[in-house]
Amino acid sequence: MSNGAYDYTANKVLRLTSALPSTTVYCIDISLTVTERVSGFNKLIDFSDLLFDLGLYIYDGQITFYDYDEVGGTISVNETFILGLERAAGSLSVFLDGILLSTISDSDNLAVSTTNILNFFEDDVSTNQGEAVNGSVDFIRIHNDSSTFTAVPEPSTIVLIGLSILGLQLRKRQSNQR
């Protein structure tokens, strides 16, 4: 443990059985720091009970859900980030630091764990467990439905909202003084 976070090494698994109240509608958010590398594939969450490549990865510094296209974002070594994964209505949405990166169809149910077992920070046996990375995790939250998951607005959005409210108050004050 360092600074309240749990330090993990590649393939030292955090395995959650009966992890999701519903395997088809859920939200997961994780605060973590990758301390080793972000090049190549680095599995964060495995949905196939370590049998296949299915899962959430960092690939060359970007978030991706294998076997779908890359979803984006930029991940750097030794920088803490919050990753959000929301599955509802057959779609998968991925958030980085509260910002929606992408929503993709999960009609093939690749983000549905048939065994309801989630493995964190451990790679599957089909790639000889070579796609995992060292890091630290501050929290993992699992929500039972997507309504409990809220994206955090970008700081610039918060500033714009604040400035708009301030402008409205100033305008109201000026009209009251007339």
N, C-alpha and C. Protein backbone atom coordinates (compact mmCIF):
# COMPACT_ATOMS: atom_id res chain seq x y z
N MET A 1 0.85 -1.18 0.00
CA MET A 1 0.00 0.00 0.00
C MET A 1 0.89 1.24 0.00
N SER A 2 0.51 2.18 -0.84
CA SER A 2 1.19 3.47 -0.85
C SER A 2 0.16 4.55 -1.03
N ASN A 3 0.19 5.56 -0.17
CA ASN A 3 -0.76 6.67 -0.23
C ASN A 3 -2.21 6.19 -0.27
N GLY A 4 -2.52 5.13 0.43
CA GLY A 4 -3.89 4.62 0.49
C GLY A 4 -4.28 3.76 -0.69
N ALA A 5 -3.40 3.59 -1.67
CA ALA A 5 -3.70 2.77 -2.85
C ALA A 5 -3.09 1.39 -2.68
N TYR A 6 -3.66 0.43 -3.39
CA TYR A 6 -3.13 -0.93 -3.39
C TYR A 6 -2.19 -1.09 -4.57
N ASP A 7 -0.93 -1.40 -4.30
CA ASP A 7 0.05 -1.63 -5.35
C ASP A 7 -0.07 -3.07 -5.82
N TYR A 8 -0.13 -3.27 -7.13
CA TYR A 8 -0.22 -4.62 -7.67
C TYR A 8 0.88 -4.83 -8.70
N THR A 9 1.24 -6.09 -8.88
CA THR A 9 2.18 -6.45 -9.93
C THR A 9 1.42 -7.26 -10.97
N ALA A 10 1.95 -7.26 -12.16
CA ALA A 10 1.29 -7.92 -13.28
C ALA A 10 0.92 -9.35 -12.91
N ASN A 11 -0.32 -9.71 -13.18
CA ASN A 11 -0.86 -11.05 -12.99
C ASN A 11 -0.98 -11.47 -11.53
N LYS A 12 -0.89 -10.54 -10.61
CA LYS A 12 -1.24 -10.80 -9.21
C LYS A 12 -2.70 -10.38 -9.09
N VAL A 13 -3.56 -11.34 -9.30
CA VAL A 13 -4.95 -11.10 -9.64
C VAL A 13 -5.79 -10.59 -8.47
N LEU A 14 -6.71 -9.73 -8.84
CA LEU A 14 -7.84 -9.41 -7.99
C LEU A 14 -9.02 -10.05 -8.69
N ARG A 15 -9.57 -11.08 -8.11
CA ARG A 15 -10.61 -11.89 -8.73
C ARG A 15 -11.90 -11.72 -7.94
N LEU A 16 -12.95 -11.28 -8.61
CA LEU A 16 -14.24 -11.11 -7.97
C LEU A 16 -15.21 -12.13 -8.54
N THR A 17 -15.69 -13.01 -7.68
CA THR A 17 -16.70 -13.97 -8.10
C THR A 17 -18.08 -13.41 -7.74
N SER A 18 -19.07 -13.75 -8.53
CA SER A 18 -20.41 -13.14 -8.39
C SER A 18 -20.26 -11.63 -8.31
N ALA A 19 -19.44 -11.10 -9.19
CA ALA A 19 -19.04 -9.71 -9.14
C ALA A 19 -20.16 -8.74 -9.48
N LEU A 20 -21.04 -9.13 -10.39
CA LEU A 20 -22.05 -8.21 -10.89
C LEU A 20 -23.45 -8.70 -10.54
N PRO A 21 -24.29 -7.84 -9.97
CA PRO A 21 -25.68 -8.24 -9.73
C PRO A 21 -26.38 -8.62 -11.03
N SER A 22 -26.03 -7.94 -12.11
CA SER A 22 -26.52 -8.27 -13.45
C SER A 22 -25.30 -8.25 -14.36
N THR A 23 -25.10 -9.29 -15.14
CA THR A 23 -23.94 -9.32 -16.03
C THR A 23 -24.17 -8.54 -17.32
N THR A 24 -25.40 -8.05 -17.53
CA THR A 24 -25.69 -7.33 -18.77
C THR A 24 -25.90 -5.83 -18.56
N VAL A 25 -26.19 -5.41 -17.34
CA VAL A 25 -26.38 -3.99 -17.03
C VAL A 25 -25.58 -3.68 -15.77
N TYR A 26 -24.51 -2.90 -15.95
CA TYR A 26 -23.64 -2.60 -14.82
C TYR A 26 -22.76 -1.40 -15.15
N CYS A 27 -22.09 -0.90 -14.12
CA CYS A 27 -21.07 0.13 -14.27
C CYS A 27 -19.89 -0.24 -13.37
N ILE A 28 -18.72 -0.01 -13.88
CA ILE A 28 -17.50 -0.22 -13.11
C ILE A 28 -16.67 1.04 -13.26
N ASP A 29 -16.20 1.58 -12.16
CA ASP A 29 -15.21 2.64 -12.28
C ASP A 29 -14.04 2.35 -11.37
N ILE A 30 -12.86 2.70 -11.88
CA ILE A 30 -11.60 2.35 -11.24
C ILE A 30 -10.69 3.57 -11.26
N SER A 31 -10.07 3.84 -10.13
CA SER A 31 -9.02 4.85 -10.08
C SER A 31 -7.69 4.11 -9.99
N LEU A 32 -6.84 4.29 -11.00
CA LEU A 32 -5.59 3.55 -11.00
C LEU A 32 -4.46 4.33 -11.62
N THR A 33 -3.26 3.83 -11.39
CA THR A 33 -2.04 4.37 -11.95
C THR A 33 -1.24 3.20 -12.50
N VAL A 34 -0.82 3.31 -13.74
CA VAL A 34 0.04 2.30 -14.35
C VAL A 34 1.47 2.74 -14.11
N THR A 35 2.28 1.87 -13.51
CA THR A 35 3.63 2.26 -13.12
C THR A 35 4.73 1.64 -13.98
N GLU A 36 4.35 0.87 -14.96
CA GLU A 36 5.38 0.16 -15.72
C GLU A 36 5.48 0.63 -17.17
N ARG A 37 4.45 0.40 -17.96
CA ARG A 37 4.48 0.75 -19.39
C ARG A 37 3.05 0.86 -19.89
N VAL A 38 2.88 1.57 -20.98
CA VAL A 38 1.56 1.64 -21.61
C VAL A 38 1.65 1.20 -23.08
N SER A 39 2.81 0.69 -23.49
CA SER A 39 2.96 0.20 -24.86
C SER A 39 2.44 -1.23 -24.96
N GLY A 40 2.05 -1.63 -26.16
CA GLY A 40 1.49 -2.96 -26.36
C GLY A 40 0.14 -3.09 -25.67
N PHE A 41 -0.31 -4.32 -25.51
CA PHE A 41 -1.57 -4.60 -24.82
C PHE A 41 -1.31 -4.79 -23.33
N ASN A 42 -2.16 -4.19 -22.50
CA ASN A 42 -2.08 -4.33 -21.05
C ASN A 42 -3.50 -4.49 -20.52
N LYS A 43 -3.84 -5.71 -20.09
CA LYS A 43 -5.22 -5.99 -19.69
C LYS A 43 -5.51 -5.41 -18.31
N LEU A 44 -6.68 -4.74 -18.23
CA LEU A 44 -7.14 -4.19 -16.96
C LEU A 44 -8.27 -5.03 -16.37
N ILE A 45 -9.25 -5.41 -17.20
CA ILE A 45 -10.37 -6.24 -16.73
C ILE A 45 -10.59 -7.37 -17.72
N ASP A 46 -10.64 -8.58 -17.20
CA ASP A 46 -10.90 -9.76 -18.02
C ASP A 46 -12.34 -10.22 -17.78
N PHE A 47 -13.09 -10.45 -18.87
CA PHE A 47 -14.48 -10.88 -18.78
C PHE A 47 -14.68 -12.35 -19.12
N SER A 48 -13.61 -13.08 -19.47
CA SER A 48 -13.75 -14.45 -19.96
C SER A 48 -13.19 -15.50 -19.01
N ASP A 49 -13.05 -15.17 -17.75
CA ASP A 49 -12.44 -16.05 -16.75
C ASP A 49 -11.08 -16.55 -17.22
N LEU A 50 -10.32 -15.65 -17.81
CA LEU A 50 -8.93 -15.85 -18.24
C LEU A 50 -8.76 -16.87 -19.36
N LEU A 51 -9.83 -17.11 -20.13
CA LEU A 51 -9.73 -18.07 -21.23
C LEU A 51 -9.44 -17.42 -22.57
N PHE A 52 -9.87 -16.18 -22.76
CA PHE A 52 -9.73 -15.50 -24.05
C PHE A 52 -9.22 -14.09 -23.84
N ASP A 53 -9.00 -13.40 -24.94
CA ASP A 53 -8.51 -12.02 -24.89
C ASP A 53 -9.58 -11.00 -24.56
N LEU A 54 -10.83 -11.39 -24.39
CA LEU A 54 -11.91 -10.44 -24.17
C LEU A 54 -11.65 -9.61 -22.93
N GLY A 55 -11.73 -8.28 -23.09
CA GLY A 55 -11.58 -7.46 -21.92
C GLY A 55 -11.20 -6.03 -22.22
N LEU A 56 -11.04 -5.28 -21.16
CA LEU A 56 -10.66 -3.88 -21.23
C LEU A 56 -9.15 -3.77 -21.09
N TYR A 57 -8.52 -3.07 -22.03
CA TYR A 57 -7.07 -2.97 -22.10
C TYR A 57 -6.63 -1.51 -22.22
N ILE A 58 -5.36 -1.30 -21.90
CA ILE A 58 -4.63 -0.14 -22.40
C ILE A 58 -3.81 -0.69 -23.55
N TYR A 59 -3.95 -0.07 -24.71
CA TYR A 59 -3.17 -0.49 -25.88
C TYR A 59 -2.43 0.72 -26.44
N ASP A 60 -1.11 0.66 -26.34
CA ASP A 60 -0.26 1.77 -26.80
C ASP A 60 -0.75 3.13 -26.28
N GLY A 61 -1.07 3.16 -24.99
CA GLY A 61 -1.43 4.41 -24.33
C GLY A 61 -2.87 4.85 -24.50
N GLN A 62 -3.70 4.00 -25.12
CA GLN A 62 -5.11 4.32 -25.28
C GLN A 62 -5.96 3.19 -24.72
N ILE A 63 -7.18 3.54 -24.33
CA ILE A 63 -8.12 2.54 -23.83
C ILE A 63 -8.73 1.81 -25.01
N THR A 64 -8.87 0.51 -24.88
CA THR A 64 -9.54 -0.28 -25.91
C THR A 64 -10.28 -1.43 -25.24
N PHE A 65 -11.34 -1.86 -25.88
CA PHE A 65 -12.04 -3.06 -25.43
C PHE A 65 -11.84 -4.11 -26.52
N TYR A 66 -11.05 -5.12 -26.22
CA TYR A 66 -10.75 -6.14 -27.20
C TYR A 66 -11.90 -7.12 -27.26
N ASP A 67 -12.45 -7.33 -28.29
CA ASP A 67 -12.13 -7.37 -29.68
C ASP A 67 -12.92 -6.32 -30.46
N TYR A 68 -13.04 -5.12 -29.90
CA TYR A 68 -13.65 -3.99 -30.58
C TYR A 68 -12.55 -3.01 -30.95
N ASP A 69 -12.93 -1.94 -31.61
CA ASP A 69 -11.95 -0.92 -31.98
C ASP A 69 -11.47 -0.17 -30.74
N GLU A 70 -10.33 0.52 -30.91
CA GLU A 70 -9.84 1.36 -29.83
C GLU A 70 -10.86 2.46 -29.55
N VAL A 71 -10.99 2.81 -28.28
CA VAL A 71 -11.93 3.86 -27.93
C VAL A 71 -11.27 5.19 -27.64
N GLY A 72 -9.98 5.24 -27.41
CA GLY A 72 -9.29 6.51 -27.30
C GLY A 72 -8.79 6.85 -25.92
N GLY A 73 -8.61 8.14 -25.70
CA GLY A 73 -8.04 8.62 -24.46
C GLY A 73 -6.53 8.52 -24.51
N THR A 74 -5.88 9.11 -23.55
CA THR A 74 -4.43 9.03 -23.45
C THR A 74 -4.06 8.65 -22.03
N ILE A 75 -3.35 7.55 -21.90
CA ILE A 75 -2.88 7.06 -20.61
C ILE A 75 -1.37 7.18 -20.58
N SER A 76 -0.83 7.74 -19.50
CA SER A 76 0.62 7.87 -19.34
C SER A 76 1.07 7.11 -18.10
N VAL A 77 2.31 6.69 -18.11
CA VAL A 77 2.89 6.01 -16.96
C VAL A 77 2.96 6.98 -15.79
N ASN A 78 2.65 6.48 -14.60
CA ASN A 78 2.71 7.21 -13.33
C ASN A 78 1.73 8.38 -13.23
N GLU A 79 0.66 8.35 -14.00
CA GLU A 79 -0.40 9.35 -13.89
C GLU A 79 -1.69 8.65 -13.49
N THR A 80 -2.31 9.12 -12.42
CA THR A 80 -3.56 8.53 -11.94
C THR A 80 -4.71 8.94 -12.85
N PHE A 81 -5.58 7.98 -13.15
CA PHE A 81 -6.75 8.27 -13.97
C PHE A 81 -7.92 7.45 -13.46
N ILE A 82 -9.12 7.90 -13.79
CA ILE A 82 -10.33 7.18 -13.43
C ILE A 82 -10.96 6.66 -14.71
N LEU A 83 -11.13 5.37 -14.75
CA LEU A 83 -11.67 4.70 -15.90
C LEU A 83 -13.08 4.23 -15.58
N GLY A 84 -14.04 4.53 -16.43
CA GLY A 84 -15.41 4.11 -16.22
C GLY A 84 -15.87 3.23 -17.37
N LEU A 85 -16.59 2.19 -17.03
CA LEU A 85 -17.14 1.26 -18.02
C LEU A 85 -18.60 1.07 -17.69
N GLU A 86 -19.47 1.38 -18.64
CA GLU A 86 -20.91 1.28 -18.42
C GLU A 86 -21.50 0.39 -19.50
N ARG A 87 -22.24 -0.64 -19.07
CA ARG A 87 -22.92 -1.51 -20.03
C ARG A 87 -24.40 -1.48 -19.75
N ALA A 88 -25.18 -1.10 -20.76
CA ALA A 88 -26.63 -1.05 -20.64
C ALA A 88 -27.23 -1.09 -22.04
N ALA A 89 -28.38 -1.72 -22.16
CA ALA A 89 -29.13 -1.79 -23.42
C ALA A 89 -28.27 -2.27 -24.59
N GLY A 90 -27.38 -3.21 -24.32
CA GLY A 90 -26.56 -3.79 -25.38
C GLY A 90 -25.45 -2.90 -25.88
N SER A 91 -25.17 -1.81 -25.16
CA SER A 91 -24.09 -0.90 -25.54
C SER A 91 -23.07 -0.79 -24.42
N LEU A 92 -21.87 -0.45 -24.81
CA LEU A 92 -20.77 -0.32 -23.88
C LEU A 92 -20.21 1.09 -24.01
N SER A 93 -20.20 1.85 -22.92
CA SER A 93 -19.65 3.20 -22.91
C SER A 93 -18.40 3.21 -22.05
N VAL A 94 -17.37 3.90 -22.54
CA VAL A 94 -16.11 3.98 -21.82
C VAL A 94 -15.81 5.43 -21.52
N PHE A 95 -15.47 5.71 -20.26
CA PHE A 95 -15.19 7.06 -19.78
C PHE A 95 -13.75 7.11 -19.27
N LEU A 96 -13.10 8.23 -19.49
CA LEU A 96 -11.78 8.47 -18.93
C LEU A 96 -11.84 9.79 -18.19
N ASP A 97 -11.58 9.74 -16.88
CA ASP A 97 -11.66 10.93 -16.02
C ASP A 97 -12.99 11.65 -16.19
N GLY A 98 -14.07 10.87 -16.29
CA GLY A 98 -15.41 11.43 -16.36
C GLY A 98 -15.85 11.87 -17.74
N ILE A 99 -14.99 11.76 -18.72
CA ILE A 99 -15.32 12.20 -20.07
C ILE A 99 -15.62 10.97 -20.93
N LEU A 100 -16.76 10.98 -21.58
CA LEU A 100 -17.14 9.86 -22.44
C LEU A 100 -16.19 9.79 -23.62
N LEU A 101 -15.51 8.63 -23.77
CA LEU A 101 -14.62 8.42 -24.90
C LEU A 101 -15.37 7.85 -26.09
N SER A 102 -16.24 6.87 -25.80
CA SER A 102 -16.91 6.18 -26.89
C SER A 102 -18.05 5.33 -26.34
N THR A 103 -19.06 5.15 -27.17
CA THR A 103 -20.12 4.18 -26.91
C THR A 103 -20.17 3.26 -28.11
N ILE A 104 -20.06 1.97 -27.85
CA ILE A 104 -20.05 0.98 -28.92
C ILE A 104 -21.11 -0.07 -28.66
N SER A 105 -21.60 -0.66 -29.72
CA SER A 105 -22.57 -1.74 -29.59
C SER A 105 -21.86 -2.98 -29.05
N ASP A 106 -22.48 -3.61 -28.08
CA ASP A 106 -21.96 -4.88 -27.56
C ASP A 106 -22.94 -6.00 -27.90
N SER A 107 -23.37 -6.02 -29.16
CA SER A 107 -24.35 -7.03 -29.59
C SER A 107 -23.78 -8.44 -29.52
N ASP A 108 -22.45 -8.58 -29.51
CA ASP A 108 -21.82 -9.89 -29.37
C ASP A 108 -21.62 -10.29 -27.91
N ASN A 109 -22.03 -9.41 -26.99
CA ASN A 109 -21.94 -9.66 -25.54
C ASN A 109 -20.52 -9.96 -25.07
N LEU A 110 -19.54 -9.28 -25.63
CA LEU A 110 -18.16 -9.49 -25.21
C LEU A 110 -17.89 -8.92 -23.82
N ALA A 111 -18.70 -7.97 -23.39
CA ALA A 111 -18.55 -7.39 -22.05
C ALA A 111 -19.52 -8.02 -21.06
N VAL A 112 -20.02 -9.20 -21.39
CA VAL A 112 -20.89 -9.95 -20.50
C VAL A 112 -20.10 -11.17 -20.01
N SER A 113 -19.90 -11.25 -18.73
CA SER A 113 -19.19 -12.39 -18.15
C SER A 113 -20.17 -13.54 -17.94
N THR A 114 -19.99 -14.61 -18.70
CA THR A 114 -20.91 -15.75 -18.58
C THR A 114 -20.75 -16.47 -17.25
N THR A 115 -19.59 -16.35 -16.62
CA THR A 115 -19.37 -16.99 -15.32
C THR A 115 -19.57 -16.02 -14.16
N ASN A 116 -19.80 -14.73 -14.47
CA ASN A 116 -19.91 -13.67 -13.47
C ASN A 116 -18.66 -13.58 -12.59
N ILE A 117 -17.52 -13.77 -13.25
CA ILE A 117 -16.22 -13.61 -12.60
C ILE A 117 -15.45 -12.52 -13.34
N LEU A 118 -14.98 -11.54 -12.61
CA LEU A 118 -14.14 -10.50 -13.19
C LEU A 118 -12.74 -10.63 -12.61
N ASN A 119 -11.75 -10.60 -13.48
CA ASN A 119 -10.36 -10.61 -13.07
C ASN A 119 -9.74 -9.27 -13.43
N PHE A 120 -9.15 -8.63 -12.46
CA PHE A 120 -8.53 -7.32 -12.66
C PHE A 120 -7.02 -7.49 -12.70
N PHE A 121 -6.39 -6.82 -13.68
CA PHE A 121 -4.93 -6.72 -13.78
C PHE A 121 -4.25 -8.07 -14.03
N GLU A 122 -4.97 -9.01 -14.63
CA GLU A 122 -4.39 -10.31 -14.96
C GLU A 122 -4.76 -10.65 -16.39
N ASP A 123 -3.78 -11.14 -17.13
CA ASP A 123 -4.02 -11.50 -18.51
C ASP A 123 -4.46 -12.96 -18.62
N ASP A 124 -5.07 -13.27 -19.74
CA ASP A 124 -5.61 -14.61 -19.99
C ASP A 124 -4.53 -15.60 -20.42
N VAL A 125 -4.88 -16.87 -20.43
CA VAL A 125 -3.93 -17.92 -20.77
C VAL A 125 -3.67 -18.02 -22.26
N SER A 126 -4.57 -17.46 -23.10
CA SER A 126 -4.36 -17.58 -24.55
C SER A 126 -3.17 -16.75 -25.03
N THR A 127 -2.74 -15.79 -24.24
CA THR A 127 -1.53 -15.02 -24.57
C THR A 127 -0.44 -15.25 -23.53
N ASN A 128 -0.49 -16.39 -22.88
CA ASN A 128 0.52 -16.77 -21.88
C ASN A 128 0.72 -15.74 -20.79
N GLN A 129 -0.33 -15.03 -20.47
CA GLN A 129 -0.34 -14.03 -19.42
C GLN A 129 0.75 -12.98 -19.58
N GLY A 130 1.04 -12.63 -20.83
CA GLY A 130 2.09 -11.65 -21.11
C GLY A 130 1.58 -10.25 -21.30
N GLU A 131 0.27 -10.03 -21.15
CA GLU A 131 -0.30 -8.71 -21.40
C GLU A 131 -0.90 -8.12 -20.12
N ALA A 132 -0.07 -8.00 -19.13
CA ALA A 132 -0.48 -7.39 -17.86
C ALA A 132 0.63 -6.44 -17.43
N VAL A 133 0.31 -5.55 -16.53
CA VAL A 133 1.24 -4.47 -16.19
C VAL A 133 1.16 -4.15 -14.70
N ASN A 134 2.22 -3.62 -14.14
CA ASN A 134 2.26 -3.20 -12.74
C ASN A 134 1.56 -1.87 -12.57
N GLY A 135 1.05 -1.64 -11.34
CA GLY A 135 0.40 -0.37 -11.07
C GLY A 135 -0.11 -0.29 -9.66
N SER A 136 -0.99 0.67 -9.43
CA SER A 136 -1.66 0.79 -8.14
C SER A 136 -3.11 1.20 -8.39
N VAL A 137 -3.97 0.74 -7.52
CA VAL A 137 -5.40 1.03 -7.66
C VAL A 137 -5.88 1.68 -6.37
N ASP A 138 -6.59 2.79 -6.52
CA ASP A 138 -7.12 3.51 -5.37
C ASP A 138 -8.51 2.98 -5.01
N PHE A 139 -9.34 2.73 -6.03
CA PHE A 139 -10.66 2.15 -5.76
C PHE A 139 -11.18 1.45 -7.00
N ILE A 140 -12.05 0.50 -6.76
CA ILE A 140 -12.87 -0.14 -7.79
C ILE A 140 -14.28 -0.10 -7.26
N ARG A 141 -15.18 0.52 -8.05
CA ARG A 141 -16.59 0.58 -7.66
C ARG A 141 -17.41 -0.15 -8.72
N ILE A 142 -18.30 -0.99 -8.26
CA ILE A 142 -19.19 -1.70 -9.16
C ILE A 142 -20.61 -1.30 -8.79
N HIS A 143 -21.34 -0.80 -9.78
CA HIS A 143 -22.70 -0.36 -9.58
C HIS A 143 -23.63 -1.35 -10.25
N ASN A 144 -24.80 -1.54 -9.69
CA ASN A 144 -25.72 -2.55 -10.21
C ASN A 144 -26.53 -2.08 -11.41
N ASP A 145 -26.48 -0.81 -11.74
CA ASP A 145 -27.14 -0.36 -12.96
C ASP A 145 -26.51 0.95 -13.41
N SER A 146 -26.80 1.31 -14.63
CA SER A 146 -26.15 2.49 -15.18
C SER A 146 -26.67 3.79 -14.60
N SER A 147 -27.81 3.79 -13.95
CA SER A 147 -28.35 5.04 -13.41
C SER A 147 -27.55 5.55 -12.22
N THR A 148 -26.73 4.69 -11.59
CA THR A 148 -25.95 5.13 -10.45
C THR A 148 -24.60 5.68 -10.85
N PHE A 149 -24.29 5.61 -12.12
CA PHE A 149 -22.99 6.05 -12.63
C PHE A 149 -23.17 7.41 -13.29
N THR A 150 -22.43 8.39 -12.83
CA THR A 150 -22.54 9.71 -13.44
C THR A 150 -21.16 10.17 -13.86
N ALA A 151 -21.05 10.59 -15.08
CA ALA A 151 -19.79 11.13 -15.57
C ALA A 151 -19.55 12.50 -14.95
N VAL A 152 -18.31 12.78 -14.65
CA VAL A 152 -17.92 14.07 -14.11
C VAL A 152 -17.69 15.01 -15.28
N PRO A 153 -18.32 16.19 -15.29
CA PRO A 153 -18.10 17.09 -16.42
C PRO A 153 -16.65 17.58 -16.47
N GLU A 154 -16.21 17.94 -17.66
CA GLU A 154 -14.87 18.49 -17.83
C GLU A 154 -14.76 19.78 -17.02
N PRO A 155 -13.56 20.09 -16.52
CA PRO A 155 -13.39 21.35 -15.78
C PRO A 155 -13.82 22.57 -16.59
N SER A 156 -13.56 22.57 -17.89
CA SER A 156 -13.95 23.72 -18.72
C SER A 156 -15.47 23.88 -18.74
N THR A 157 -16.20 22.77 -18.72
CA THR A 157 -17.66 22.83 -18.69
C THR A 157 -18.14 23.45 -17.38
N ILE A 158 -17.52 23.05 -16.29
CA ILE A 158 -17.89 23.60 -14.98
C ILE A 158 -17.62 25.10 -14.95
N VAL A 159 -16.49 25.53 -15.50
CA VAL A 159 -16.15 26.96 -15.54
C VAL A 159 -17.18 27.71 -16.37
N LEU A 160 -17.56 27.18 -17.52
CA LEU A 160 -18.56 27.85 -18.37
C LEU A 160 -19.90 27.97 -17.66
N ILE A 161 -20.32 26.93 -16.97
CA ILE A 161 -21.57 26.98 -16.23
C ILE A 161 -21.48 28.05 -15.13
N GLY A 162 -20.36 28.07 -14.43
CA GLY A 162 -20.17 29.06 -13.37
C GLY A 162 -20.19 30.48 -13.90
N LEU A 163 -19.51 30.69 -15.03
CA LEU A 163 -19.50 32.03 -15.64
C LEU A 163 -20.89 32.43 -16.12
N SER A 164 -21.64 31.48 -16.65
CA SER A 164 -23.01 31.77 -17.09
C SER A 164 -23.88 32.20 -15.92
N ILE A 165 -23.78 31.50 -14.82
CA ILE A 165 -24.57 31.85 -13.63
C ILE A 165 -24.17 33.22 -13.12
N LEU A 166 -22.86 33.49 -13.08
CA LEU A 166 -22.37 34.79 -12.65
C LEU A 166 -22.89 35.90 -13.56
N GLY A 167 -22.87 35.67 -14.87
CA GLY A 167 -23.37 36.65 -15.83
C GLY A 167 -24.85 36.94 -15.63
N LEU A 168 -25.62 35.89 -15.38
CA LEU A 168 -27.06 36.07 -15.13
C LEU A 168 -27.31 36.88 -13.86
N GLN A 169 -26.52 36.60 -12.82
CA GLN A 169 -26.68 37.36 -11.57
C GLN A 169 -26.33 38.83 -11.77
N LEU A 170 -25.25 39.10 -12.52
CA LEU A 170 -24.86 40.49 -12.77
C LEU A 170 -25.92 41.22 -13.59
N ARG A 171 -26.47 40.54 -14.57
CA ARG A 171 -27.51 41.14 -15.40
C ARG A 171 -28.75 41.46 -14.56
N LYS A 172 -29.11 40.52 -13.67
CA LYS A 172 -30.27 40.73 -12.81
C LYS A 172 -30.03 41.91 -11.89
N ARG A 173 -28.82 42.01 -11.36
CA ARG A 173 -28.48 43.10 -10.46
C ARG A 173 -28.55 44.45 -11.18
N GLN A 174 -28.07 44.49 -12.42
CA GLN A 174 -28.11 45.72 -13.20
C GLN A 174 -29.54 46.14 -13.50
N SER A 175 -30.40 45.18 -13.84
CA SER A 175 -31.80 45.52 -14.16
C SER A 175 -32.54 45.96 -12.90
N ASN A 176 -32.16 45.48 -11.72
CA ASN A 176 -32.78 45.89 -10.46
C ASN A 176 -32.37 47.31 -10.07
N GLN A 177 -31.19 47.75 -10.52
CA GLN A 177 -30.68 49.07 -10.17
C GLN A 177 -31.30 50.15 -11.02
N ARG A 178 -31.95 49.81 -12.12
CA ARG A 178 -32.55 50.81 -13.02
C ARG A 178 -33.84 51.33 -12.51
